Amino acid sequence: MPKREKSKRLQVVITEKQDALLTKTAYQLSNPERLISKSEVVRLGIEMLNQAVEKGELPPEILVALENEGQEET
């Protein structure tokens, strides 16, 4: 029997717009046989972002979005 993967809980503050995007994406990925949760969308996004970074295929607009996000917090 395979070991259960350890998991960690992460709490993050997001905007209403980001929450709406998560909801919309989860809805679009879901189908009658399988409902996708917002948490699953976040986990998938983390994996996809990591793969892009490791392959050096990160779209430039992602870096701009990250830079803008950092400026909004200050």
Protein backbone atom coordinates (compact mmCIF):
# COMPACT_ATOMS: atom_id res chain seq x y z
CA MET A 1 0.00 0.00 0.00
CA PRO A 2 1.55 3.37 -1.00
CA LYS A 3 2.25 5.90 1.70
CA ARG A 4 -0.08 8.85 1.86
CA GLU A 5 1.61 12.02 0.66
CA LYS A 6 2.15 14.54 3.44
CA SER A 7 0.35 17.79 2.93
CA LYS A 8 0.54 21.24 4.44
CA ARG A 9 -2.17 23.80 4.90
CA LEU A 10 -1.50 27.24 3.45
CA GLN A 11 -3.65 30.25 4.15
CA VAL A 12 -3.43 33.07 1.65
CA VAL A 13 -5.32 36.33 1.38
CA ILE A 14 -6.70 36.85 -2.13
CA THR A 15 -8.77 39.57 -3.74
CA GLU A 16 -12.41 39.21 -4.76
CA LYS A 17 -11.25 39.20 -8.39
CA GLN A 18 -8.78 36.36 -7.73
CA ASP A 19 -11.48 34.38 -5.92
CA ALA A 20 -13.82 34.89 -8.86
CA LEU A 21 -11.11 33.67 -11.24
CA LEU A 22 -10.59 30.56 -9.11
CA THR A 23 -14.31 29.86 -9.07
CA LYS A 24 -14.60 30.40 -12.83
CA THR A 25 -11.62 28.16 -13.57
CA ALA A 26 -12.87 25.39 -11.29
CA TYR A 27 -16.26 25.55 -12.98
CA GLN A 28 -14.71 25.44 -16.47
CA LEU A 29 -12.54 22.43 -15.56
CA SER A 30 -15.43 20.55 -13.96
CA ASN A 31 -17.82 18.20 -15.70
CA PRO A 32 -20.87 16.23 -14.54
CA GLU A 33 -18.71 13.26 -13.52
CA ARG A 34 -16.02 15.30 -11.74
CA LEU A 35 -16.29 18.56 -9.89
CA ILE A 36 -13.00 20.44 -9.51
CA SER A 37 -12.46 22.46 -6.34
CA LYS A 38 -10.75 25.83 -6.08
CA SER A 39 -8.04 24.13 -4.01
CA GLU A 40 -7.39 21.71 -6.85
CA VAL A 41 -7.09 24.65 -9.26
CA VAL A 42 -4.51 26.24 -6.96
CA ARG A 43 -2.52 22.99 -6.66
CA LEU A 44 -2.58 22.53 -10.45
CA GLY A 45 -1.49 26.14 -10.94
CA ILE A 46 1.45 25.65 -8.58
CA GLU A 47 2.59 22.55 -10.49
CA MET A 48 2.20 24.24 -13.87
CA LEU A 49 4.07 27.35 -12.75
CA ASN A 50 6.89 25.25 -11.33
CA GLN A 51 7.21 23.24 -14.55
CA ALA A 52 7.37 26.43 -16.62
CA VAL A 53 10.07 27.90 -14.36
CA GLU A 54 12.15 24.70 -14.43
CA LYS A 55 11.93 24.50 -18.23
CA GLY A 56 12.69 28.20 -18.64
CA GLU A 57 9.35 28.63 -20.39
CA LEU A 58 7.78 31.19 -18.08
CA PRO A 59 5.78 33.66 -20.16
CA PRO A 60 7.06 37.25 -19.69
CA GLU A 61 3.57 38.46 -18.73
CA ILE A 62 3.73 36.25 -15.62
CA LEU A 63 6.82 38.12 -14.41
CA VAL A 64 5.09 41.45 -15.08
CA ALA A 65 2.04 40.28 -13.13
CA LEU A 66 4.23 39.19 -10.21
CA GLU A 67 6.07 42.50 -10.26
CA ASN A 68 2.79 44.44 -10.29
CA GLU A 69 1.40 42.29 -7.48
CA GLY A 70 4.40 43.13 -5.30
CA GLN A 71 3.96 46.85 -5.92
CA GLU A 72 0.28 46.76 -4.92
CA GLU A 73 1.16 45.36 -1.48
CA THR A 74 3.50 48.23 -0.58
